[in-house]
Amino acid sequence: MADIDFPDDLINMETAAWEAAQRGELTAGQAADVQAAITAFAKEAGLDRYTVEMELKRLVRHPEAEGD
């Protein structure tokens, strides 16, 4: 997988959204904010948004795979 240096604020946003989703409390606004942040980061970094989103979700949801 890609080796992307995510900023802490983006990781924190995705973590909060994932935790809210797990509790059944994720709002459309929160999801939209995360998507906007992912899109902005990907554009600034010159990366594909889908790759950025996939890697960010893997990092947050499966941190044990980080050493792979």
N, C-alpha and C. Protein backbone atom coordinates (compact mmCIF):
# COMPACT_ATOMS: atom_id res chain seq x y z
N MET A 1 0.83 -1.19 0.00
CA MET A 1 0.00 0.00 0.00
C MET A 1 0.87 1.25 0.00
N ALA A 2 0.25 2.34 -0.27
CA ALA A 2 0.96 3.61 -0.32
C ALA A 2 1.45 4.01 1.06
N ASP A 3 2.56 4.71 1.09
CA ASP A 3 3.12 5.21 2.34
C ASP A 3 2.83 6.71 2.37
N ILE A 4 1.72 7.07 3.00
CA ILE A 4 1.27 8.46 3.03
C ILE A 4 1.47 9.02 4.43
N ASP A 5 2.05 10.20 4.51
CA ASP A 5 2.26 10.88 5.80
C ASP A 5 1.04 11.76 6.09
N PHE A 6 0.06 11.16 6.77
CA PHE A 6 -1.17 11.88 7.07
C PHE A 6 -0.97 12.87 8.21
N PRO A 7 -1.56 14.05 8.11
CA PRO A 7 -1.51 14.99 9.23
C PRO A 7 -2.40 14.47 10.37
N ASP A 8 -2.01 14.79 11.59
CA ASP A 8 -2.75 14.31 12.76
C ASP A 8 -4.22 14.72 12.73
N ASP A 9 -4.51 15.94 12.26
CA ASP A 9 -5.90 16.38 12.26
C ASP A 9 -6.77 15.53 11.35
N LEU A 10 -6.23 15.07 10.24
CA LEU A 10 -6.99 14.22 9.33
C LEU A 10 -7.22 12.84 9.95
N ILE A 11 -6.20 12.30 10.59
CA ILE A 11 -6.34 11.01 11.28
C ILE A 11 -7.38 11.14 12.39
N ASN A 12 -7.32 12.23 13.14
CA ASN A 12 -8.28 12.44 14.23
C ASN A 12 -9.71 12.57 13.71
N MET A 13 -9.89 13.26 12.59
CA MET A 13 -11.23 13.39 12.01
C MET A 13 -11.78 12.03 11.59
N GLU A 14 -10.95 11.24 10.91
CA GLU A 14 -11.39 9.92 10.47
C GLU A 14 -11.66 9.01 11.66
N THR A 15 -10.83 9.09 12.67
CA THR A 15 -11.03 8.27 13.88
C THR A 15 -12.35 8.63 14.54
N ALA A 16 -12.62 9.91 14.69
CA ALA A 16 -13.87 10.35 15.31
C ALA A 16 -15.08 9.89 14.48
N ALA A 17 -14.98 9.98 13.17
CA ALA A 17 -16.07 9.55 12.30
C ALA A 17 -16.28 8.04 12.40
N TRP A 18 -15.20 7.27 12.43
CA TRP A 18 -15.30 5.81 12.54
C TRP A 18 -15.93 5.43 13.88
N GLU A 19 -15.50 6.08 14.96
CA GLU A 19 -16.07 5.79 16.27
C GLU A 19 -17.55 6.16 16.31
N ALA A 20 -17.91 7.28 15.71
CA ALA A 20 -19.33 7.68 15.66
C ALA A 20 -20.14 6.68 14.84
N ALA A 21 -19.58 6.20 13.75
CA ALA A 21 -20.27 5.21 12.93
C ALA A 21 -20.49 3.91 13.71
N GLN A 22 -19.49 3.53 14.47
CA GLN A 22 -19.60 2.30 15.28
C GLN A 22 -20.70 2.41 16.32
N ARG A 23 -20.94 3.62 16.81
CA ARG A 23 -22.01 3.86 17.79
C ARG A 23 -23.35 4.15 17.12
N GLY A 24 -23.36 4.24 15.80
CA GLY A 24 -24.58 4.59 15.07
C GLY A 24 -24.91 6.06 15.15
N GLU A 25 -23.89 6.89 15.37
CA GLU A 25 -24.11 8.33 15.56
C GLU A 25 -23.44 9.21 14.50
N LEU A 26 -22.91 8.61 13.45
CA LEU A 26 -22.27 9.41 12.40
C LEU A 26 -23.33 10.23 11.67
N THR A 27 -23.08 11.53 11.57
CA THR A 27 -24.01 12.40 10.86
C THR A 27 -23.52 12.62 9.43
N ALA A 28 -24.44 13.02 8.59
CA ALA A 28 -24.07 13.33 7.20
C ALA A 28 -23.08 14.49 7.17
N GLY A 29 -23.24 15.44 8.05
CA GLY A 29 -22.33 16.57 8.11
C GLY A 29 -20.92 16.17 8.50
N GLN A 30 -20.81 15.28 9.48
CA GLN A 30 -19.50 14.81 9.89
C GLN A 30 -18.84 14.03 8.76
N ALA A 31 -19.59 13.17 8.10
CA ALA A 31 -19.06 12.40 6.98
C ALA A 31 -18.62 13.34 5.85
N ALA A 32 -19.41 14.36 5.56
CA ALA A 32 -19.07 15.32 4.51
C ALA A 32 -17.81 16.10 4.86
N ASP A 33 -17.65 16.45 6.14
CA ASP A 33 -16.45 17.16 6.57
C ASP A 33 -15.20 16.31 6.37
N VAL A 34 -15.30 15.02 6.70
CA VAL A 34 -14.16 14.13 6.52
C VAL A 34 -13.83 13.99 5.04
N GLN A 35 -14.85 13.82 4.21
CA GLN A 35 -14.62 13.70 2.77
C GLN A 35 -13.97 14.95 2.20
N ALA A 36 -14.42 16.11 2.65
CA ALA A 36 -13.84 17.37 2.17
C ALA A 36 -12.37 17.48 2.59
N ALA A 37 -12.06 17.06 3.80
CA ALA A 37 -10.68 17.10 4.28
C ALA A 37 -9.80 16.12 3.51
N ILE A 38 -10.33 14.94 3.22
CA ILE A 38 -9.59 13.96 2.43
C ILE A 38 -9.32 14.51 1.03
N THR A 39 -10.33 15.07 0.41
CA THR A 39 -10.19 15.62 -0.93
C THR A 39 -9.15 16.75 -0.96
N ALA A 40 -9.22 17.64 0.03
CA ALA A 40 -8.27 18.76 0.09
C ALA A 40 -6.85 18.25 0.30
N PHE A 41 -6.68 17.29 1.20
CA PHE A 41 -5.35 16.73 1.45
C PHE A 41 -4.80 16.06 0.20
N ALA A 42 -5.63 15.26 -0.45
CA ALA A 42 -5.19 14.55 -1.66
C ALA A 42 -4.77 15.54 -2.74
N LYS A 43 -5.56 16.58 -2.93
CA LYS A 43 -5.24 17.58 -3.96
C LYS A 43 -3.93 18.28 -3.62
N GLU A 44 -3.76 18.68 -2.37
CA GLU A 44 -2.55 19.38 -1.95
C GLU A 44 -1.31 18.48 -2.09
N ALA A 45 -1.49 17.19 -1.79
CA ALA A 45 -0.37 16.26 -1.84
C ALA A 45 -0.13 15.70 -3.25
N GLY A 46 -1.04 16.01 -4.18
CA GLY A 46 -0.91 15.49 -5.54
C GLY A 46 -1.16 14.00 -5.63
N LEU A 47 -2.08 13.51 -4.78
CA LEU A 47 -2.40 12.09 -4.73
C LEU A 47 -3.83 11.84 -5.16
N ASP A 48 -4.10 10.62 -5.55
CA ASP A 48 -5.45 10.21 -5.91
C ASP A 48 -6.32 10.16 -4.65
N ARG A 49 -7.47 10.79 -4.68
CA ARG A 49 -8.35 10.85 -3.52
C ARG A 49 -8.76 9.46 -3.04
N TYR A 50 -9.02 8.56 -3.96
CA TYR A 50 -9.45 7.22 -3.57
C TYR A 50 -8.34 6.48 -2.84
N THR A 51 -7.12 6.64 -3.29
CA THR A 51 -5.98 6.01 -2.62
C THR A 51 -5.81 6.59 -1.22
N VAL A 52 -5.92 7.91 -1.11
CA VAL A 52 -5.80 8.57 0.19
C VAL A 52 -6.88 8.06 1.13
N GLU A 53 -8.11 8.01 0.66
CA GLU A 53 -9.22 7.56 1.51
C GLU A 53 -9.02 6.11 1.95
N MET A 54 -8.63 5.25 1.04
CA MET A 54 -8.44 3.84 1.35
C MET A 54 -7.34 3.66 2.40
N GLU A 55 -6.23 4.37 2.22
CA GLU A 55 -5.12 4.26 3.17
C GLU A 55 -5.48 4.82 4.54
N LEU A 56 -6.20 5.94 4.54
CA LEU A 56 -6.60 6.55 5.81
C LEU A 56 -7.54 5.61 6.57
N LYS A 57 -8.50 5.03 5.89
CA LYS A 57 -9.42 4.09 6.53
C LYS A 57 -8.67 2.87 7.06
N ARG A 58 -7.72 2.36 6.29
CA ARG A 58 -6.93 1.22 6.74
C ARG A 58 -6.14 1.57 7.99
N LEU A 59 -5.52 2.75 7.99
CA LEU A 59 -4.74 3.21 9.13
C LEU A 59 -5.59 3.30 10.40
N VAL A 60 -6.78 3.85 10.26
CA VAL A 60 -7.66 4.05 11.41
C VAL A 60 -8.34 2.76 11.85
N ARG A 61 -8.82 2.00 10.89
CA ARG A 61 -9.62 0.80 11.22
C ARG A 61 -8.78 -0.44 11.50
N HIS A 62 -7.58 -0.48 10.97
CA HIS A 62 -6.72 -1.67 11.11
C HIS A 62 -5.30 -1.26 11.48
N PRO A 63 -5.12 -0.61 12.61
CA PRO A 63 -3.78 -0.12 12.96
C PRO A 63 -2.76 -1.24 13.14
N GLU A 64 -3.23 -2.45 13.43
CA GLU A 64 -2.31 -3.57 13.61
C GLU A 64 -1.59 -3.92 12.31
N ALA A 65 -2.14 -3.53 11.17
CA ALA A 65 -1.53 -3.80 9.87
C ALA A 65 -0.46 -2.76 9.52
N GLU A 66 -0.27 -1.77 10.36
CA GLU A 66 0.66 -0.68 10.07
C GLU A 66 2.09 -1.18 9.85
N GLY A 67 2.49 -2.25 10.51
CA GLY A 67 3.84 -2.75 10.36
C GLY A 67 4.07 -3.55 9.09
N ASP A 68 3.03 -3.81 8.31
CA ASP A 68 3.15 -4.62 7.08
C ASP A 68 3.91 -3.89 6.01
